[in-house]
Amino acid sequence: MLDSLKEAGKSIGRELTRAWESLSDGWRELLSRCGSALVRYERPKYGNDNDSFPYWGLINAEVEETASDLVVRVEMPGVGKENFSIQIVGNTLFIRGEKQLVRENGGSTYHLVERAYGSFERTIALPKNVDSEKSQANYVDGVLAIRLPKAISETVRNIPVE
């Protein structure tokens, strides 16, 4: 009987290990696929219920390459276009801004808060060099679209060794 209990314990241990590994694999995949979309918001000061607002939120983006441009689209509903700051440093695009909480009346109570508010920064590695001087951005229906013309590459030049 003792042997069967030991065997059952080992079997349960193996199943728990498999379940834990599966869960860990799922989290690793989630972080690798969207880890850069997970952004920490600097929490705004909105009074007594400040603790109910999340620190973290997802800022989903896509980078599309055409023959002449990179087009970056970022979903940012609820942010006024005047609240964005866009900067290119090397091959990195920085999108900064602030998502402000707008309340309908001051006497309300939140029962569910999944949206994040406050200052944010999203960085996106660009796969090509771009001409930042000719870049353009627009914001329509909650989507920030940034068109970045690819930099004209120099011709290949061989350098002889003397």
C-alpha atoms as a PDB file:
ATOM      1  CA  MET A   1       0.000   0.000   0.000  1.00  0.00           C
ATOM      2  CA  LEU A   2       2.842   2.360   0.842  1.00  0.00           C
ATOM      3  CA  ASP A   3       4.377   1.733  -2.572  1.00  0.00           C
ATOM      4  CA  SER A   4       1.116   2.583  -4.338  1.00  0.00           C
ATOM      5  CA  LEU A   5       0.854   5.840  -2.351  1.00  0.00           C
ATOM      6  CA  LYS A   6       4.430   6.731  -3.296  1.00  0.00           C
ATOM      7  CA  GLU A   7       3.693   5.981  -6.948  1.00  0.00           C
ATOM      8  CA  ALA A   8       0.500   8.078  -6.847  1.00  0.00           C
ATOM      9  CA  GLY A   9       2.463  10.943  -5.284  1.00  0.00           C
ATOM     10  CA  LYS A  10       5.100  10.743  -8.024  1.00  0.00           C
ATOM     11  CA  SER A  11       2.402  10.674 -10.698  1.00  0.00           C
ATOM     12  CA  ILE A  12       0.707  13.749  -9.232  1.00  0.00           C
ATOM     13  CA  GLY A  13       4.104  15.462  -9.035  1.00  0.00           C
ATOM     14  CA  ARG A  14       4.784  14.742 -12.717  1.00  0.00           C
ATOM     15  CA  GLU A  15       1.362  16.096 -13.722  1.00  0.00           C
ATOM     16  CA  LEU A  16       1.879  19.252 -11.660  1.00  0.00           C
ATOM     17  CA  THR A  17       5.304  19.747 -13.250  1.00  0.00           C
ATOM     18  CA  ARG A  18       3.806  19.377 -16.744  1.00  0.00           C
ATOM     19  CA  ALA A  19       0.990  21.787 -15.923  1.00  0.00           C
ATOM     20  CA  TRP A  20       3.454  24.340 -14.516  1.00  0.00           C
ATOM     21  CA  GLU A  21       5.723  24.023 -17.572  1.00  0.00           C
ATOM     22  CA  SER A  22       2.753  24.519 -19.897  1.00  0.00           C
ATOM     23  CA  LEU A  23       1.675  27.606 -17.985  1.00  0.00           C
ATOM     24  CA  SER A  24       5.239  28.958 -17.992  1.00  0.00           C
ATOM     25  CA  ASP A  25       5.551  28.331 -21.741  1.00  0.00           C
ATOM     26  CA  GLY A  26       2.324  30.241 -22.329  1.00  0.00           C
ATOM     27  CA  TRP A  27       3.528  33.250 -20.341  1.00  0.00           C
ATOM     28  CA  ARG A  28       6.915  33.199 -22.100  1.00  0.00           C
ATOM     29  CA  GLU A  29       5.207  33.139 -25.506  1.00  0.00           C
ATOM     30  CA  LEU A  30       2.884  35.971 -24.511  1.00  0.00           C
ATOM     31  CA  LEU A  31       5.788  38.107 -23.316  1.00  0.00           C
ATOM     32  CA  SER A  32       7.892  37.389 -26.405  1.00  0.00           C
ATOM     33  CA  ARG A  33       5.037  38.220 -28.787  1.00  0.00           C
ATOM     34  CA  CYS A  34       3.718  41.338 -27.111  1.00  0.00           C
ATOM     35  CA  GLY A  35       6.227  42.226 -24.420  1.00  0.00           C
ATOM     36  CA  SER A  36       7.095  45.538 -26.050  1.00  0.00           C
ATOM     37  CA  ALA A  37       3.398  46.426 -26.274  1.00  0.00           C
ATOM     38  CA  LEU A  38       3.101  46.187 -22.499  1.00  0.00           C
ATOM     39  CA  VAL A  39       3.713  49.720 -21.285  1.00  0.00           C
ATOM     40  CA  ARG A  40       3.909  51.173 -17.794  1.00  0.00           C
ATOM     41  CA  TYR A  41       1.859  54.312 -17.388  1.00  0.00           C
ATOM     42  CA  GLU A  42       2.961  56.967 -14.943  1.00  0.00           C
ATOM     43  CA  ARG A  43      -0.076  57.036 -12.733  1.00  0.00           C
ATOM     44  CA  PRO A  44      -2.050  60.278 -12.749  1.00  0.00           C
ATOM     45  CA  LYS A  45      -3.273  61.948  -9.584  1.00  0.00           C
ATOM     46  CA  TYR A  46      -7.058  61.740  -9.681  1.00  0.00           C
ATOM     47  CA  GLY A  47      -7.986  61.900  -6.025  1.00  0.00           C
ATOM     48  CA  ASN A  48      -8.898  59.195  -3.524  1.00  0.00           C
ATOM     49  CA  ASP A  49      -9.546  56.379  -6.000  1.00  0.00           C
ATOM     50  CA  ASN A  50      -6.061  56.663  -7.517  1.00  0.00           C
ATOM     51  CA  ASP A  51      -5.217  53.097  -6.444  1.00  0.00           C
ATOM     52  CA  SER A  52      -7.976  51.658  -8.616  1.00  0.00           C
ATOM     53  CA  PHE A  53      -6.291  52.708 -11.879  1.00  0.00           C
ATOM     54  CA  PRO A  54      -3.905  50.208 -13.487  1.00  0.00           C
ATOM     55  CA  TYR A  55      -0.215  50.976 -13.890  1.00  0.00           C
ATOM     56  CA  TRP A  56       0.091  48.832 -17.012  1.00  0.00           C
ATOM     57  CA  GLY A  57      -1.617  48.816 -20.387  1.00  0.00           C
ATOM     58  CA  LEU A  58      -1.149  47.448 -23.884  1.00  0.00           C
ATOM     59  CA  ILE A  59      -0.266  49.737 -26.759  1.00  0.00           C
ATOM     60  CA  ASN A  60      -0.685  47.579 -29.855  1.00  0.00           C
ATOM     61  CA  ALA A  61       1.336  48.425 -32.940  1.00  0.00           C
ATOM     62  CA  GLU A  62       2.248  47.124 -36.368  1.00  0.00           C
ATOM     63  CA  VAL A  63       5.103  47.999 -38.707  1.00  0.00           C
ATOM     64  CA  GLU A  64       4.387  47.560 -42.418  1.00  0.00           C
ATOM     65  CA  GLU A  65       7.072  47.873 -45.083  1.00  0.00           C
ATOM     66  CA  THR A  66       6.164  49.072 -48.567  1.00  0.00           C
ATOM     67  CA  ALA A  67       8.518  49.622 -51.495  1.00  0.00           C
ATOM     68  CA  SER A  68       9.325  53.150 -50.322  1.00  0.00           C
ATOM     69  CA  ASP A  69       8.159  53.491 -46.706  1.00  0.00           C
ATOM     70  CA  LEU A  70       7.784  51.985 -43.298  1.00  0.00           C
ATOM     71  CA  VAL A  71       4.291  52.579 -41.952  1.00  0.00           C
ATOM     72  CA  VAL A  72       3.836  52.292 -38.203  1.00  0.00           C
ATOM     73  CA  ARG A  73       0.286  52.100 -36.875  1.00  0.00           C
ATOM     74  CA  VAL A  74      -0.423  52.327 -33.165  1.00  0.00           C
ATOM     75  CA  GLU A  75      -3.829  51.859 -31.534  1.00  0.00           C
ATOM     76  CA  MET A  76      -4.274  54.704 -29.053  1.00  0.00           C
ATOM     77  CA  PRO A  77      -7.975  55.455 -28.594  1.00  0.00           C
ATOM     78  CA  GLY A  78      -8.771  58.212 -26.150  1.00  0.00           C
ATOM     79  CA  VAL A  79      -5.592  60.223 -26.673  1.00  0.00           C
ATOM     80  CA  GLY A  80      -5.874  63.681 -28.191  1.00  0.00           C
ATOM     81  CA  LYS A  81      -3.521  64.201 -31.145  1.00  0.00           C
ATOM     82  CA  GLU A  82      -2.040  67.193 -29.314  1.00  0.00           C
ATOM     83  CA  ASN A  83      -0.920  64.799 -26.541  1.00  0.00           C
ATOM     84  CA  PHE A  84       1.524  62.835 -28.725  1.00  0.00           C
ATOM     85  CA  SER A  85       5.259  63.372 -29.066  1.00  0.00           C
ATOM     86  CA  ILE A  86       7.036  61.342 -31.762  1.00  0.00           C
ATOM     87  CA  GLN A  87      10.808  61.102 -32.063  1.00  0.00           C
ATOM     88  CA  ILE A  88      13.225  59.016 -34.119  1.00  0.00           C
ATOM     89  CA  VAL A  89      16.672  58.286 -32.720  1.00  0.00           C
ATOM     90  CA  GLY A  90      18.761  56.054 -34.959  1.00  0.00           C
ATOM     91  CA  ASN A  91      16.558  53.078 -35.835  1.00  0.00           C
ATOM     92  CA  THR A  92      14.255  53.509 -32.852  1.00  0.00           C
ATOM     93  CA  LEU A  93      10.875  55.229 -32.899  1.00  0.00           C
ATOM     94  CA  PHE A  94       9.739  56.778 -29.611  1.00  0.00           C
ATOM     95  CA  ILE A  95       6.055  57.550 -29.123  1.00  0.00           C
ATOM     96  CA  ARG A  96       5.278  59.445 -25.943  1.00  0.00           C
ATOM     97  CA  GLY A  97       2.060  60.930 -24.748  1.00  0.00           C
ATOM     98  CA  GLU A  98      -0.591  61.147 -22.130  1.00  0.00           C
ATOM     99  CA  LYS A  99      -3.973  59.509 -21.924  1.00  0.00           C
ATOM    100  CA  GLN A 100      -6.160  61.656 -19.729  1.00  0.00           C
ATOM    101  CA  LEU A 101      -9.090  60.496 -17.658  1.00  0.00           C
ATOM    102  CA  VAL A 102     -12.278  62.378 -18.461  1.00  0.00           C
ATOM    103  CA  ARG A 103     -15.059  61.919 -15.935  1.00  0.00           C
ATOM    104  CA  GLU A 104     -18.684  62.623 -16.672  1.00  0.00           C
ATOM    105  CA  ASN A 105     -19.330  63.878 -13.155  1.00  0.00           C
ATOM    106  CA  GLY A 106     -17.266  64.232 -10.007  1.00  0.00           C
ATOM    107  CA  GLY A 107     -19.514  62.089  -7.817  1.00  0.00           C
ATOM    108  CA  SER A 108     -19.095  58.810  -9.674  1.00  0.00           C
ATOM    109  CA  THR A 109     -17.635  55.547  -8.405  1.00  0.00           C
ATOM    110  CA  TYR A 110     -15.756  53.101 -10.616  1.00  0.00           C
ATOM    111  CA  HIS A 111     -16.636  49.423 -10.215  1.00  0.00           C
ATOM    112  CA  LEU A 112     -14.352  48.184 -13.011  1.00  0.00           C
ATOM    113  CA  VAL A 113     -11.233  49.895 -14.344  1.00  0.00           C
ATOM    114  CA  GLU A 114      -9.179  48.082 -16.993  1.00  0.00           C
ATOM    115  CA  ARG A 115      -8.069  51.130 -18.966  1.00  0.00           C
ATOM    116  CA  ALA A 116      -4.775  52.781 -18.035  1.00  0.00           C
ATOM    117  CA  TYR A 117      -4.342  56.543 -17.846  1.00  0.00           C
ATOM    118  CA  GLY A 118      -1.357  58.829 -17.545  1.00  0.00           C
ATOM    119  CA  SER A 119       1.925  59.405 -19.335  1.00  0.00           C
ATOM    120  CA  PHE A 120       3.307  56.610 -21.506  1.00  0.00           C
ATOM    121  CA  GLU A 121       6.215  55.817 -23.801  1.00  0.00           C
ATOM    122  CA  ARG A 122       6.247  53.131 -26.498  1.00  0.00           C
ATOM    123  CA  THR A 123       9.478  52.319 -28.322  1.00  0.00           C
ATOM    124  CA  ILE A 124       9.573  50.463 -31.614  1.00  0.00           C
ATOM    125  CA  ALA A 125      12.721  49.159 -33.300  1.00  0.00           C
ATOM    126  CA  LEU A 126      12.642  50.014 -36.996  1.00  0.00           C
ATOM    127  CA  PRO A 127      13.898  47.345 -39.425  1.00  0.00           C
ATOM    128  CA  LYS A 128      15.341  49.900 -41.900  1.00  0.00           C
ATOM    129  CA  ASN A 129      16.985  53.309 -41.861  1.00  0.00           C
ATOM    130  CA  VAL A 130      14.437  56.067 -42.452  1.00  0.00           C
ATOM    131  CA  ASP A 131      14.475  59.681 -43.584  1.00  0.00           C
ATOM    132  CA  SER A 132      13.093  61.355 -40.475  1.00  0.00           C
ATOM    133  CA  GLU A 133      12.908  64.766 -42.187  1.00  0.00           C
ATOM    134  CA  LYS A 134      10.224  63.519 -44.590  1.00  0.00           C
ATOM    135  CA  SER A 135       8.232  61.542 -42.018  1.00  0.00           C
ATOM    136  CA  GLN A 136       4.541  62.281 -41.449  1.00  0.00           C
ATOM    137  CA  ALA A 137       1.979  61.293 -38.836  1.00  0.00           C
ATOM    138  CA  ASN A 138      -1.794  61.433 -38.636  1.00  0.00           C
ATOM    139  CA  TYR A 139      -4.347  60.305 -36.081  1.00  0.00           C
ATOM    140  CA  VAL A 140      -7.736  59.040 -37.219  1.00  0.00           C
ATOM    141  CA  ASP A 141     -10.300  56.957 -35.317  1.00  0.00           C
ATOM    142  CA  GLY A 142      -7.926  56.176 -32.454  1.00  0.00           C
ATOM    143  CA  VAL A 143      -5.096  54.955 -34.691  1.00  0.00           C
ATOM    144  CA  LEU A 144      -1.832  56.887 -34.922  1.00  0.00           C
ATOM    145  CA  ALA A 145      -0.261  56.261 -38.357  1.00  0.00           C
ATOM    146  CA  ILE A 146       3.351  57.290 -38.941  1.00  0.00           C
ATOM    147  CA  ARG A 147       4.743  57.139 -42.479  1.00  0.00           C
ATOM    148  CA  LEU A 148       8.537  56.922 -42.510  1.00  0.00           C
ATOM    149  CA  PRO A 149      10.194  57.077 -45.941  1.00  0.00           C
ATOM    150  CA  LYS A 150      13.073  54.642 -46.191  1.00  0.00           C
ATOM    151  CA  ALA A 151      16.471  56.289 -46.414  1.00  0.00           C
ATOM    152  CA  ILE A 152      18.054  56.051 -49.821  1.00  0.00           C
ATOM    153  CA  SER A 153      20.941  53.689 -49.372  1.00  0.00           C
ATOM    154  CA  GLU A 154      24.311  54.567 -50.706  1.00  0.00           C
ATOM    155  CA  THR A 155      25.686  52.523 -53.565  1.00  0.00           C
ATOM    156  CA  VAL A 156      28.130  49.813 -52.648  1.00  0.00           C
ATOM    157  CA  ARG A 157      31.702  50.936 -52.992  1.00  0.00           C
ATOM    158  CA  ASN A 158      34.706  48.653 -52.775  1.00  0.00           C
ATOM    159  CA  ILE A 159      37.736  50.110 -51.055  1.00  0.00           C
ATOM    160  CA  PRO A 160      41.038  48.735 -52.276  1.00  0.00           C
ATOM    161  CA  VAL A 161      43.725  47.986 -49.729  1.00  0.00           C
ATOM    162  CA  GLU A 162      47.018  49.669 -50.546  1.00  0.00           C
END
